[in-house]
Amino acid sequence: MVLTEWRGTGRAKRLHDALIASVEANAVSLQVESAHEKVVLLYESWGYRQVDTSRSHDDSPQYTVMFKDLPQADTFSAASKILL
C-alpha cells in the first residue's frame, strides 16, 4: 500500500519490482479483493493475469487470484551462488 500523496508516482511499481527482484522462482502469485477493480487492472498492467477466484469462507469477500511468470534465472549464476 502506498500513501495517498505518493500514488501515481511509480513508487508502488518500484517497491513491487524490488520485492520480487531476488525471487528465485518461475512465477509469483497474489490475491486481490475482486471488488477493487482498479487494483486488479493495475496488476494486469504489471504483467499479472487473472487465473481464478477464491473465497476463504462463505461470508468473506471474493478474491481474484493473479499469476505472473518471471524471467528464467540464469542457472549458471544460481549454481555459482551455491558454490560461493
Protein backbone atom coordinates (compact mmCIF):
# COMPACT_ATOMS: atom_id res chain seq x y z
CA MET A 1 0.00 0.00 0.00
CA VAL A 2 1.30 3.42 -0.93
CA LEU A 3 0.27 6.59 0.90
CA THR A 4 -2.24 8.70 -0.99
CA GLU A 5 0.18 11.55 -1.62
CA TRP A 6 2.65 9.15 -3.29
CA ARG A 7 0.15 7.38 -5.56
CA GLY A 8 0.61 7.83 -9.27
CA THR A 9 4.35 8.44 -8.90
CA GLY A 10 5.57 4.96 -9.84
CA ARG A 11 6.65 4.13 -6.29
CA ALA A 12 4.32 1.15 -5.94
CA LYS A 13 5.77 -0.44 -9.08
CA ARG A 14 9.32 0.18 -7.87
CA LEU A 15 8.51 -1.37 -4.47
CA HIS A 16 6.87 -4.35 -6.16
CA ASP A 17 9.79 -4.87 -8.53
CA ALA A 18 12.31 -4.61 -5.69
CA LEU A 19 10.40 -7.24 -3.68
CA ILE A 20 10.38 -9.80 -6.48
CA ALA A 21 13.81 -8.99 -7.95
CA SER A 22 15.62 -11.56 -5.83
CA VAL A 23 12.94 -14.24 -6.04
CA GLU A 24 14.38 -17.43 -7.48
CA ALA A 25 11.16 -18.84 -8.90
CA ASN A 26 9.46 -19.25 -12.24
CA ALA A 27 6.39 -17.27 -11.19
CA VAL A 28 4.69 -15.33 -8.42
CA SER A 29 1.04 -15.12 -7.44
CA LEU A 30 -1.13 -12.85 -5.36
CA GLN A 31 -4.74 -12.30 -4.43
CA VAL A 32 -6.65 -9.04 -4.76
CA GLU A 33 -10.10 -8.37 -3.38
CA SER A 34 -12.21 -8.59 -6.56
CA ALA A 35 -14.22 -5.51 -5.64
CA HIS A 36 -11.04 -3.44 -6.07
CA GLU A 37 -11.18 -3.44 -9.87
CA LYS A 38 -8.61 -0.64 -10.22
CA VAL A 39 -6.07 -2.71 -8.28
CA VAL A 40 -6.76 -5.78 -10.43
CA LEU A 41 -6.20 -3.64 -13.54
CA LEU A 42 -3.01 -2.20 -12.06
CA TYR A 43 -1.55 -5.67 -11.50
CA GLU A 44 -2.59 -6.67 -15.02
CA SER A 45 -0.63 -3.68 -16.34
CA TRP A 46 2.39 -5.07 -14.43
CA GLY A 47 2.15 -8.42 -16.24
CA TYR A 48 -0.13 -10.42 -13.96
CA ARG A 49 -3.04 -12.38 -15.33
CA GLN A 50 -6.24 -13.48 -13.63
CA VAL A 51 -6.31 -17.25 -13.18
CA ASP A 52 -9.10 -17.92 -10.67
CA THR A 53 -11.21 -16.57 -7.86
CA SER A 54 -11.09 -17.55 -4.21
CA ARG A 55 -13.20 -17.16 -1.10
CA SER A 56 -11.87 -18.41 2.24
CA HIS A 57 -15.33 -18.90 3.72
CA ASP A 58 -18.96 -18.11 2.92
CA ASP A 59 -19.03 -14.61 4.41
CA SER A 60 -15.60 -13.49 3.16
CA PRO A 61 -15.07 -11.25 0.14
CA GLN A 62 -14.20 -12.79 -3.20
CA TYR A 63 -10.57 -12.53 -4.26
CA THR A 64 -9.07 -12.57 -7.73
CA VAL A 65 -6.10 -14.91 -7.92
CA MET A 66 -3.40 -13.44 -10.14
CA PHE A 67 -0.26 -15.01 -11.59
CA LYS A 68 2.87 -13.59 -13.19
CA ASP A 69 5.61 -15.50 -14.97
CA LEU A 70 9.12 -14.37 -14.04
CA PRO A 71 12.11 -14.29 -16.36
CA GLN A 72 14.09 -17.52 -16.12
CA ALA A 73 17.05 -17.19 -13.78
CA ASP A 74 20.46 -17.85 -15.22
CA THR A 75 21.15 -21.36 -13.93
CA PHE A 76 24.91 -20.79 -14.06
CA SER A 77 24.53 -17.74 -11.80
CA ALA A 78 22.28 -19.64 -9.40
CA ALA A 79 24.72 -22.55 -9.26
CA SER A 80 27.70 -20.26 -8.74
CA LYS A 81 25.95 -18.64 -5.75
CA ILE A 82 25.69 -22.06 -4.12
CA LEU A 83 29.38 -22.78 -4.70
CA LEU A 84 30.48 -19.43 -3.32
